Amino acid sequence: MDPAPETADAKLDDDDYPAYSMGRAAEIIGTTPAFLRSLDEAKLITPQRSAGGHRRYSRYQLRLATRAREMVDHGTALEAACRIIILEDQLQEALRLNAEMHSRD
């Protein structure tokens, strides 16, 4: 049986739903499309692609991009900023999983 199609509300609430085009994403976070492409090249974010091949970004990805932009604006090299953000994200996930495991005990 096929799962029920997502409603518009479910998509709007989903942090991982690729709702934003590259131009709109760049506008939202106050940067350029080239900066977003550089984050893709640095493996910080990998946007989904539309049927036409255009990059589409989620709210979660925009939060990571915003953090990278802030770090770069304060003088951190792009590659270093991306690595720091990846490590911070991994730490948060590990802490979440650890708390989840301890709550089961």
PDB file of N, CA and C in Angstrom:
ATOM      1  N   MET A   1       0.844  -1.178   0.000  1.00  0.00           N
ATOM      2  CA  MET A   1       0.000   0.000   0.000  1.00  0.00           C
ATOM      3  C   MET A   1       0.890   1.242   0.000  1.00  0.00           C
ATOM      4  N   ASP A   2       0.570   2.209  -0.852  1.00  0.00           N
ATOM      5  CA  ASP A   2       1.343   3.438  -0.952  1.00  0.00           C
ATOM      6  C   ASP A   2       1.057   4.318   0.251  1.00  0.00           C
ATOM      7  N   PRO A   3       2.095   5.007   0.766  1.00  0.00           N
ATOM      8  CA  PRO A   3       1.848   5.942   1.868  1.00  0.00           C
ATOM      9  C   PRO A   3       0.992   7.102   1.376  1.00  0.00           C
ATOM     10  N   ALA A   4       0.271   7.720   2.297  1.00  0.00           N
ATOM     11  CA  ALA A   4      -0.573   8.862   1.948  1.00  0.00           C
ATOM     12  C   ALA A   4       0.308  10.005   1.460  1.00  0.00           C
ATOM     13  N   PRO A   5      -0.133  10.706   0.430  1.00  0.00           N
ATOM     14  CA  PRO A   5       0.675  11.833  -0.047  1.00  0.00           C
ATOM     15  C   PRO A   5       0.806  12.896   1.035  1.00  0.00           C
ATOM     16  N   GLU A   6       1.948  13.582   1.029  1.00  0.00           N
ATOM     17  CA  GLU A   6       2.175  14.629   2.024  1.00  0.00           C
ATOM     18  C   GLU A   6       1.250  15.804   1.761  1.00  0.00           C
ATOM     19  N   THR A   7       0.728  16.344   2.831  1.00  0.00           N
ATOM     20  CA  THR A   7      -0.093  17.541   2.705  1.00  0.00           C
ATOM     21  C   THR A   7       0.830  18.755   2.640  1.00  0.00           C
ATOM     22  N   ALA A   8       0.288  19.871   2.210  1.00  0.00           N
ATOM     23  CA  ALA A   8       1.079  21.105   2.161  1.00  0.00           C
ATOM     24  C   ALA A   8       1.590  21.469   3.547  1.00  0.00           C
ATOM     25  N   ASP A   9       0.745  21.300   4.577  1.00  0.00           N
ATOM     26  CA  ASP A   9       1.170  21.620   5.944  1.00  0.00           C
ATOM     27  C   ASP A   9       2.342  20.751   6.379  1.00  0.00           C
ATOM     28  N   ALA A  10       2.308  19.468   6.030  1.00  0.00           N
ATOM     29  CA  ALA A  10       3.395  18.566   6.403  1.00  0.00           C
ATOM     30  C   ALA A  10       4.694  18.992   5.728  1.00  0.00           C
ATOM     31  N   LYS A  11       4.619  19.395   4.474  1.00  0.00           N
ATOM     32  CA  LYS A  11       5.817  19.840   3.768  1.00  0.00           C
ATOM     33  C   LYS A  11       6.362  21.132   4.378  1.00  0.00           C
ATOM     34  N   LEU A  12       5.471  22.040   4.749  1.00  0.00           N
ATOM     35  CA  LEU A  12       5.909  23.305   5.338  1.00  0.00           C
ATOM     36  C   LEU A  12       6.562  23.100   6.699  1.00  0.00           C
ATOM     37  N   ASP A  13       6.127  22.087   7.427  1.00  0.00           N
ATOM     38  CA  ASP A  13       6.684  21.799   8.749  1.00  0.00           C
ATOM     39  C   ASP A  13       7.959  20.952   8.689  1.00  0.00           C
ATOM     40  N   ASP A  14       8.266  20.385   7.529  1.00  0.00           N
ATOM     41  CA  ASP A  14       9.394  19.479   7.373  1.00  0.00           C
ATOM     42  C   ASP A  14      10.675  20.273   7.121  1.00  0.00           C
ATOM     43  N   ASP A  15      11.612  20.238   8.077  1.00  0.00           N
ATOM     44  CA  ASP A  15      12.879  20.962   7.937  1.00  0.00           C
ATOM     45  C   ASP A  15      13.728  20.450   6.777  1.00  0.00           C
ATOM     46  N   ASP A  16      13.459  19.233   6.326  1.00  0.00           N
ATOM     47  CA  ASP A  16      14.271  18.637   5.270  1.00  0.00           C
ATOM     48  C   ASP A  16      13.626  18.734   3.884  1.00  0.00           C
ATOM     49  N   TYR A  17      12.435  19.312   3.796  1.00  0.00           N
ATOM     50  CA  TYR A  17      11.763  19.443   2.507  1.00  0.00           C
ATOM     51  C   TYR A  17      12.478  20.505   1.667  1.00  0.00           C
ATOM     52  N   PRO A  18      12.887  20.162   0.441  1.00  0.00           N
ATOM     53  CA  PRO A  18      13.648  21.101  -0.401  1.00  0.00           C
ATOM     54  C   PRO A  18      12.749  22.160  -1.038  1.00  0.00           C
ATOM     55  N   ALA A  19      12.394  23.160  -0.283  1.00  0.00           N
ATOM     56  CA  ALA A  19      11.386  24.129  -0.702  1.00  0.00           C
ATOM     57  C   ALA A  19      11.943  25.363  -1.403  1.00  0.00           C
ATOM     58  N   TYR A  20      13.247  25.598  -1.322  1.00  0.00           N
ATOM     59  CA  TYR A  20      13.784  26.879  -1.786  1.00  0.00           C
ATOM     60  C   TYR A  20      14.712  26.723  -2.979  1.00  0.00           C
ATOM     61  N   SER A  21      14.484  27.533  -3.991  1.00  0.00           N
ATOM     62  CA  SER A  21      15.385  27.573  -5.138  1.00  0.00           C
ATOM     63  C   SER A  21      16.697  28.220  -4.705  1.00  0.00           C
ATOM     64  N   MET A  22      17.719  28.088  -5.531  1.00  0.00           N
ATOM     65  CA  MET A  22      19.012  28.670  -5.186  1.00  0.00           C
ATOM     66  C   MET A  22      18.898  30.184  -5.013  1.00  0.00           C
ATOM     67  N   GLY A  23      18.227  30.850  -5.919  1.00  0.00           N
ATOM     68  CA  GLY A  23      18.096  32.299  -5.823  1.00  0.00           C
ATOM     69  C   GLY A  23      17.381  32.738  -4.563  1.00  0.00           C
ATOM     70  N   ARG A  24      16.291  32.053  -4.252  1.00  0.00           N
ATOM     71  CA  ARG A  24      15.528  32.389  -3.049  1.00  0.00           C
ATOM     72  C   ARG A  24      16.336  32.079  -1.790  1.00  0.00           C
ATOM     73  N   ALA A  25      17.040  30.936  -1.781  1.00  0.00           N
ATOM     74  CA  ALA A  25      17.866  30.565  -0.634  1.00  0.00           C
ATOM     75  C   ALA A  25      18.957  31.605  -0.406  1.00  0.00           C
ATOM     76  N   ALA A  26      19.617  32.032  -1.477  1.00  0.00           N
ATOM     77  CA  ALA A  26      20.666  33.044  -1.351  1.00  0.00           C
ATOM     78  C   ALA A  26      20.092  34.349  -0.813  1.00  0.00           C
ATOM     79  N   GLU A  27      18.917  34.720  -1.285  1.00  0.00           N
ATOM     80  CA  GLU A  27      18.260  35.941  -0.808  1.00  0.00           C
ATOM     81  C   GLU A  27      17.923  35.841   0.678  1.00  0.00           C
ATOM     82  N   ILE A  28      17.389  34.709   1.091  1.00  0.00           N
ATOM     83  CA  ILE A  28      16.978  34.515   2.489  1.00  0.00           C
ATOM     84  C   ILE A  28      18.165  34.658   3.435  1.00  0.00           C
ATOM     85  N   ILE A  29      19.301  34.057   3.080  1.00  0.00           N
ATOM     86  CA  ILE A  29      20.442  34.085   4.003  1.00  0.00           C
ATOM     87  C   ILE A  29      21.404  35.231   3.720  1.00  0.00           C
ATOM     88  N   GLY A  30      21.097  36.041   2.728  1.00  0.00           N
ATOM     89  CA  GLY A  30      21.904  37.233   2.463  1.00  0.00           C
ATOM     90  C   GLY A  30      23.254  36.946   1.861  1.00  0.00           C
ATOM     91  N   THR A  31      23.276  36.046   0.885  1.00  0.00           N
ATOM     92  CA  THR A  31      24.541  35.710   0.237  1.00  0.00           C
ATOM     93  C   THR A  31      24.313  35.564  -1.266  1.00  0.00           C
ATOM     94  N   THR A  32      25.262  34.990  -1.948  1.00  0.00           N
ATOM     95  CA  THR A  32      25.159  34.810  -3.393  1.00  0.00           C
ATOM     96  C   THR A  32      24.964  33.335  -3.741  1.00  0.00           C
ATOM     97  N   PRO A  33      24.415  33.062  -4.916  1.00  0.00           N
ATOM     98  CA  PRO A  33      24.346  31.665  -5.367  1.00  0.00           C
ATOM     99  C   PRO A  33      25.733  31.010  -5.414  1.00  0.00           C
ATOM    100  N   ALA A  34      26.753  31.777  -5.745  1.00  0.00           N
ATOM    101  CA  ALA A  34      28.113  31.216  -5.789  1.00  0.00           C
ATOM    102  C   ALA A  34      28.540  30.708  -4.412  1.00  0.00           C
ATOM    103  N   PHE A  35      28.166  31.422  -3.353  1.00  0.00           N
ATOM    104  CA  PHE A  35      28.506  30.974  -2.002  1.00  0.00           C
ATOM    105  C   PHE A  35      27.812  29.635  -1.713  1.00  0.00           C
ATOM    106  N   LEU A  36      26.551  29.515  -2.103  1.00  0.00           N
ATOM    107  CA  LEU A  36      25.833  28.253  -1.894  1.00  0.00           C
ATOM    108  C   LEU A  36      26.487  27.121  -2.685  1.00  0.00           C
ATOM    109  N   ARG A  37      26.912  27.403  -3.905  1.00  0.00           N
ATOM    110  CA  ARG A  37      27.603  26.372  -4.694  1.00  0.00           C
ATOM    111  C   ARG A  37      28.905  25.958  -4.005  1.00  0.00           C
ATOM    112  N   SER A  38      29.604  26.923  -3.394  1.00  0.00           N
ATOM    113  CA  SER A  38      30.856  26.599  -2.707  1.00  0.00           C
ATOM    114  C   SER A  38      30.608  25.700  -1.498  1.00  0.00           C
ATOM    115  N   LEU A  39      29.463  25.859  -0.835  1.00  0.00           N
ATOM    116  CA  LEU A  39      29.122  24.979   0.290  1.00  0.00           C
ATOM    117  C   LEU A  39      28.845  23.565  -0.186  1.00  0.00           C
ATOM    118  N   ASP A  40      28.264  23.452  -1.368  1.00  0.00           N
ATOM    119  CA  ASP A  40      28.031  22.148  -1.983  1.00  0.00           C
ATOM    120  C   ASP A  40      29.385  21.503  -2.314  1.00  0.00           C
ATOM    121  N   GLU A  41      30.297  22.266  -2.919  1.00  0.00           N
ATOM    122  CA  GLU A  41      31.627  21.757  -3.262  1.00  0.00           C
ATOM    123  C   GLU A  41      32.405  21.343  -2.022  1.00  0.00           C
ATOM    124  N   ALA A  42      32.206  22.064  -0.917  1.00  0.00           N
ATOM    125  CA  ALA A  42      32.897  21.751   0.345  1.00  0.00           C
ATOM    126  C   ALA A  42      32.207  20.618   1.107  1.00  0.00           C
ATOM    127  N   LYS A  43      31.118  20.111   0.570  1.00  0.00           N
ATOM    128  CA  LYS A  43      30.364  18.974   1.143  1.00  0.00           C
ATOM    129  C   LYS A  43      29.659  19.312   2.450  1.00  0.00           C
ATOM    130  N   LEU A  44      29.372  20.602   2.671  1.00  0.00           N
ATOM    131  CA  LEU A  44      28.591  20.973   3.855  1.00  0.00           C
ATOM    132  C   LEU A  44      27.123  20.676   3.614  1.00  0.00           C
ATOM    133  N   ILE A  45      26.626  21.081   2.476  1.00  0.00           N
ATOM    134  CA  ILE A  45      25.240  20.801   2.119  1.00  0.00           C
ATOM    135  C   ILE A  45      25.193  20.253   0.699  1.00  0.00           C
ATOM    136  N   THR A  46      24.301  19.307   0.478  1.00  0.00           N
ATOM    137  CA  THR A  46      24.082  18.755  -0.846  1.00  0.00           C
ATOM    138  C   THR A  46      22.608  18.941  -1.169  1.00  0.00           C
ATOM    139  N   PRO A  47      22.303  19.993  -1.923  1.00  0.00           N
ATOM    140  CA  PRO A  47      20.898  20.256  -2.212  1.00  0.00           C
ATOM    141  C   PRO A  47      20.313  19.174  -3.119  1.00  0.00           C
ATOM    142  N   GLN A  48      19.019  18.973  -2.969  1.00  0.00           N
ATOM    143  CA  GLN A  48      18.335  18.071  -3.895  1.00  0.00           C
ATOM    144  C   GLN A  48      18.200  18.794  -5.221  1.00  0.00           C
ATOM    145  N   ARG A  49      17.868  18.051  -6.248  1.00  0.00           N
ATOM    146  CA  ARG A  49      17.695  18.643  -7.569  1.00  0.00           C
ATOM    147  C   ARG A  49      16.252  18.491  -8.014  1.00  0.00           C
ATOM    148  N   SER A  50      15.747  19.538  -8.641  1.00  0.00           N
ATOM    149  CA  SER A  50      14.395  19.479  -9.207  1.00  0.00           C
ATOM    150  C   SER A  50      14.448  18.609 -10.457  1.00  0.00           C
ATOM    151  N   ALA A  51      13.286  18.328 -11.032  1.00  0.00           N
ATOM    152  CA  ALA A  51      13.228  17.531 -12.258  1.00  0.00           C
ATOM    153  C   ALA A  51      14.046  18.194 -13.370  1.00  0.00           C
ATOM    154  N   GLY A  52      14.120  19.509 -13.350  1.00  0.00           N
ATOM    155  CA  GLY A  52      14.895  20.241 -14.344  1.00  0.00           C
ATOM    156  C   GLY A  52      16.368  20.385 -14.003  1.00  0.00           C
ATOM    157  N   GLY A  53      16.803  19.824 -12.870  1.00  0.00           N
ATOM    158  CA  GLY A  53      18.205  19.865 -12.475  1.00  0.00           C
ATOM    159  C   GLY A  53      18.606  21.045 -11.614  1.00  0.00           C
ATOM    160  N   HIS A  54      17.642  21.857 -11.211  1.00  0.00           N
ATOM    161  CA  HIS A  54      17.946  23.026 -10.390  1.00  0.00           C
ATOM    162  C   HIS A  54      18.100  22.631  -8.929  1.00  0.00           C
ATOM    163  N   ARG A  55      19.034  23.291  -8.233  1.00  0.00           N
ATOM    164  CA  ARG A  55      19.252  23.010  -6.812  1.00  0.00           C
ATOM    165  C   ARG A  55      18.053  23.489  -5.999  1.00  0.00           C
ATOM    166  N   ARG A  56      17.675  22.678  -5.004  1.00  0.00           N
ATOM    167  CA  ARG A  56      16.584  23.009  -4.093  1.00  0.00           C
ATOM    168  C   ARG A  56      17.091  22.792  -2.674  1.00  0.00           C
ATOM    169  N   TYR A  57      16.870  23.793  -1.803  1.00  0.00           N
ATOM    170  CA  TYR A  57      17.399  23.784  -0.442  1.00  0.00           C
ATOM    171  C   TYR A  57      16.289  23.664   0.594  1.00  0.00           C
ATOM    172  N   SER A  58      16.613  22.984   1.683  1.00  0.00           N
ATOM    173  CA  SER A  58      15.674  22.846   2.809  1.00  0.00           C
ATOM    174  C   SER A  58      15.983  23.911   3.860  1.00  0.00           C
ATOM    175  N   ARG A  59      15.071  24.059   4.809  1.00  0.00           N
ATOM    176  CA  ARG A  59      15.311  24.994   5.918  1.00  0.00           C
ATOM    177  C   ARG A  59      16.526  24.574   6.732  1.00  0.00           C
ATOM    178  N   TYR A  60      16.692  23.278   6.944  1.00  0.00           N
ATOM    179  CA  TYR A  60      17.856  22.777   7.681  1.00  0.00           C
ATOM    180  C   TYR A  60      19.145  23.187   6.958  1.00  0.00           C
ATOM    181  N   GLN A  61      19.186  23.011   5.652  1.00  0.00           N
ATOM    182  CA  GLN A  61      20.366  23.391   4.885  1.00  0.00           C
ATOM    183  C   GLN A  61      20.603  24.899   4.940  1.00  0.00           C
ATOM    184  N   LEU A  62      19.528  25.670   4.958  1.00  0.00           N
ATOM    185  CA  LEU A  62      19.689  27.124   5.053  1.00  0.00           C
ATOM    186  C   LEU A  62      20.261  27.522   6.405  1.00  0.00           C
ATOM    187  N   ARG A  63      19.899  26.812   7.463  1.00  0.00           N
ATOM    188  CA  ARG A  63      20.488  27.103   8.782  1.00  0.00           C
ATOM    189  C   ARG A  63      21.997  26.824   8.766  1.00  0.00           C
ATOM    190  N   LEU A  64      22.400  25.706   8.157  1.00  0.00           N
ATOM    191  CA  LEU A  64      23.830  25.402   8.058  1.00  0.00           C
ATOM    192  C   LEU A  64      24.546  26.455   7.214  1.00  0.00           C
ATOM    193  N   ALA A  65      23.940  26.848   6.105  1.00  0.00           N
ATOM    194  CA  ALA A  65      24.541  27.858   5.231  1.00  0.00           C
ATOM    195  C   ALA A  65      24.663  29.196   5.953  1.00  0.00           C
ATOM    196  N   THR A  66      23.661  29.545   6.743  1.00  0.00           N
ATOM    197  CA  THR A  66      23.707  30.790   7.506  1.00  0.00           C
ATOM    198  C   THR A  66      24.857  30.755   8.502  1.00  0.00           C
ATOM    199  N   ARG A  67      25.011  29.643   9.179  1.00  0.00           N
ATOM    200  CA  ARG A  67      26.115  29.491  10.144  1.00  0.00           C
ATOM    201  C   ARG A  67      27.461  29.632   9.424  1.00  0.00           C
ATOM    202  N   ALA A  68      27.587  29.004   8.250  1.00  0.00           N
ATOM    203  CA  ALA A  68      28.837  29.100   7.477  1.00  0.00           C
ATOM    204  C   ALA A  68      29.093  30.545   7.058  1.00  0.00           C
ATOM    205  N   ARG A  69      28.063  31.231   6.591  1.00  0.00           N
ATOM    206  CA  ARG A  69      28.222  32.627   6.174  1.00  0.00           C
ATOM    207  C   ARG A  69      28.684  33.488   7.337  1.00  0.00           C
ATOM    208  N   GLU A  70      28.084  33.273   8.511  1.00  0.00           N
ATOM    209  CA  GLU A  70      28.479  34.043   9.693  1.00  0.00           C
ATOM    210  C   GLU A  70      29.940  33.799  10.050  1.00  0.00           C
ATOM    211  N   MET A  71      30.359  32.542   9.999  1.00  0.00           N
ATOM    212  CA  MET A  71      31.749  32.217  10.337  1.00  0.00           C
ATOM    213  C   MET A  71      32.716  32.825   9.324  1.00  0.00           C
ATOM    214  N   VAL A  72      32.378  32.733   8.046  1.00  0.00           N
ATOM    215  CA  VAL A  72      33.226  33.310   7.001  1.00  0.00           C
ATOM    216  C   VAL A  72      33.278  34.833   7.153  1.00  0.00           C
ATOM    217  N   ASP A  73      32.139  35.444   7.456  1.00  0.00           N
ATOM    218  CA  ASP A  73      32.098  36.893   7.669  1.00  0.00           C
ATOM    219  C   ASP A  73      32.993  37.327   8.830  1.00  0.00           C
ATOM    220  N   HIS A  74      33.218  36.418   9.794  1.00  0.00           N
ATOM    221  CA  HIS A  74      34.073  36.738  10.943  1.00  0.00           C
ATOM    222  C   HIS A  74      35.521  36.273  10.737  1.00  0.00           C
ATOM    223  N   GLY A  75      35.865  35.904   9.494  1.00  0.00           N
ATOM    224  CA  GLY A  75      37.251  35.612   9.170  1.00  0.00           C
ATOM    225  C   GLY A  75      37.660  34.156   9.130  1.00  0.00           C
ATOM    226  N   THR A  76      36.748  33.230   9.353  1.00  0.00           N
ATOM    227  CA  THR A  76      37.084  31.815   9.279  1.00  0.00           C
ATOM    228  C   THR A  76      37.120  31.399   7.814  1.00  0.00           C
ATOM    229  N   ALA A  77      38.136  30.650   7.432  1.00  0.00           N
ATOM    230  CA  ALA A  77      38.224  30.147   6.059  1.00  0.00           C
ATOM    231  C   ALA A  77      37.025  29.234   5.779  1.00  0.00           C
ATOM    232  N   LEU A  78      36.542  29.249   4.551  1.00  0.00           N
ATOM    233  CA  LEU A  78      35.351  28.485   4.185  1.00  0.00           C
ATOM    234  C   LEU A  78      35.502  27.004   4.516  1.00  0.00           C
ATOM    235  N   GLU A  79      36.593  26.391   4.125  1.00  0.00           N
ATOM    236  CA  GLU A  79      36.792  24.960   4.382  1.00  0.00           C
ATOM    237  C   GLU A  79      36.790  24.671   5.886  1.00  0.00           C
ATOM    238  N   ALA A  80      37.426  25.528   6.671  1.00  0.00           N
ATOM    239  CA  ALA A  80      37.457  25.341   8.124  1.00  0.00           C
ATOM    240  C   ALA A  80      36.060  25.508   8.712  1.00  0.00           C
ATOM    241  N   ALA A  81      35.331  26.511   8.243  1.00  0.00           N
ATOM    242  CA  ALA A  81      33.966  26.728   8.729  1.00  0.00           C
ATOM    243  C   ALA A  81      33.096  25.512   8.443  1.00  0.00           C
ATOM    244  N   CYS A  82      33.206  24.976   7.246  1.00  0.00           N
ATOM    245  CA  CYS A  82      32.403  23.804   6.887  1.00  0.00           C
ATOM    246  C   CYS A  82      32.756  22.613   7.767  1.00  0.00           C
ATOM    247  N   ARG A  83      34.037  22.398   8.009  1.00  0.00           N
ATOM    248  CA  ARG A  83      34.458  21.273   8.854  1.00  0.00           C
ATOM    249  C   ARG A  83      33.949  21.445  10.284  1.00  0.00           C
ATOM    250  N   ILE A  84      34.036  22.650  10.812  1.00  0.00           N
ATOM    251  CA  ILE A  84      33.545  22.919  12.168  1.00  0.00           C
ATOM    252  C   ILE A  84      32.051  22.637  12.256  1.00  0.00           C
ATOM    253  N   ILE A  85      31.299  23.113  11.280  1.00  0.00           N
ATOM    254  CA  ILE A  85      29.848  22.925  11.289  1.00  0.00           C
ATOM    255  C   ILE A  85      29.490  21.450  11.178  1.00  0.00           C
ATOM    256  N   ILE A  86      30.203  20.711  10.340  1.00  0.00           N
ATOM    257  CA  ILE A  86      29.958  19.269  10.214  1.00  0.00           C
ATOM    258  C   ILE A  86      30.220  18.580  11.557  1.00  0.00           C
ATOM    259  N   LEU A  87      31.315  18.934  12.206  1.00  0.00           N
ATOM    260  CA  LEU A  87      31.637  18.323  13.506  1.00  0.00           C
ATOM    261  C   LEU A  87      30.605  18.699  14.572  1.00  0.00           C
ATOM    262  N   GLU A  88      30.169  19.958  14.572  1.00  0.00           N
ATOM    263  CA  GLU A  88      29.131  20.378  15.524  1.00  0.00           C
ATOM    264  C   GLU A  88      27.840  19.588  15.291  1.00  0.00           C
ATOM    265  N   ASP A  89      27.491  19.401  14.044  1.00  0.00           N
ATOM    266  CA  ASP A  89      26.274  18.671  13.699  1.00  0.00           C
ATOM    267  C   ASP A  89      26.382  17.204  14.135  1.00  0.00           C
ATOM    268  N   GLN A  90      27.546  16.600  13.907  1.00  0.00           N
ATOM    269  CA  GLN A  90      27.761  15.218  14.336  1.00  0.00           C
ATOM    270  C   GLN A  90      27.702  15.086  15.852  1.00  0.00           C
ATOM    271  N   LEU A  91      28.266  16.062  16.559  1.00  0.00           N
ATOM    272  CA  LEU A  91      28.226  16.046  18.018  1.00  0.00           C
ATOM    273  C   LEU A  91      26.781  16.142  18.514  1.00  0.00           C
ATOM    274  N   GLN A  92      26.003  17.043  17.951  1.00  0.00           N
ATOM    275  CA  GLN A  92      24.604  17.181  18.362  1.00  0.00           C
ATOM    276  C   GLN A  92      23.834  15.886  18.140  1.00  0.00           C
ATOM    277  N   GLU A  93      24.069  15.232  17.014  1.00  0.00           N
ATOM    278  CA  GLU A  93      23.386  13.964  16.736  1.00  0.00           C
ATOM    279  C   GLU A  93      23.830  12.889  17.730  1.00  0.00           C
ATOM    280  N   ALA A  94      25.111  12.818  18.047  1.00  0.00           N
ATOM    281  CA  ALA A  94      25.606  11.840  19.015  1.00  0.00           C
ATOM    282  C   ALA A  94      25.014  12.105  20.400  1.00  0.00           C
ATOM    283  N   LEU A  95      24.934  13.361  20.797  1.00  0.00           N
ATOM    284  CA  LEU A  95      24.340  13.700  22.093  1.00  0.00           C
ATOM    285  C   LEU A  95      22.859  13.331  22.127  1.00  0.00           C
ATOM    286  N   ARG A  96      22.166  13.571  21.009  1.00  0.00           N
ATOM    287  CA  ARG A  96      20.749  13.219  20.933  1.00  0.00           C
ATOM    288  C   ARG A  96      20.564  11.709  21.064  1.00  0.00           C
ATOM    289  N   LEU A  97      21.377  10.943  20.352  1.00  0.00           N
ATOM    290  CA  LEU A  97      21.282   9.480  20.418  1.00  0.00           C
ATOM    291  C   LEU A  97      21.641   8.961  21.807  1.00  0.00           C
ATOM    292  N   ASN A  98      22.646   9.553  22.430  1.00  0.00           N
ATOM    293  CA  ASN A  98      23.056   9.160  23.774  1.00  0.00           C
ATOM    294  C   ASN A  98      21.923   9.421  24.769  1.00  0.00           C
ATOM    295  N   ALA A  99      21.299  10.593  24.674  1.00  0.00           N
ATOM    296  CA  ALA A  99      20.188  10.917  25.573  1.00  0.00           C
ATOM    297  C   ALA A  99      19.020   9.962  25.352  1.00  0.00           C
ATOM    298  N   GLU A 100      18.788   9.629  24.099  1.00  0.00           N
ATOM    299  CA  GLU A 100      17.711   8.689  23.758  1.00  0.00           C
ATOM    300  C   GLU A 100      17.982   7.309  24.360  1.00  0.00           C
ATOM    301  N   MET A 101      19.229   6.853  24.268  1.00  0.00           N
ATOM    302  CA  MET A 101      19.595   5.541  24.835  1.00  0.00           C
ATOM    303  C   MET A 101      19.453   5.533  26.349  1.00  0.00           C
ATOM    304  N   HIS A 102      19.862   6.622  26.994  1.00  0.00           N
ATOM    305  CA  HIS A 102      19.776   6.703  28.449  1.00  0.00           C
ATOM    306  C   HIS A 102      18.353   6.830  28.938  1.00  0.00           C
ATOM    307  N   SER A 103      17.489   7.396  28.150  1.00  0.00           N
ATOM    308  CA  SER A 103      16.092   7.525  28.557  1.00  0.00           C
ATOM    309  C   SER A 103      15.366   6.181  28.495  1.00  0.00           C
ATOM    310  N   ARG A 104      15.913   5.232  27.753  1.00  0.00           N
ATOM    311  CA  ARG A 104      15.318   3.889  27.656  1.00  0.00           C
ATOM    312  C   ARG A 104      15.681   3.026  28.854  1.00  0.00           C
ATOM    313  N   ASP A 105      16.765   3.382  29.538  1.00  0.00           N
ATOM    314  CA  ASP A 105      17.245   2.558  30.680  1.00  0.00           C
ATOM    315  C   ASP A 105      16.324   2.634  31.866  1.00  0.00           C
TER     316      ASP A 105
END
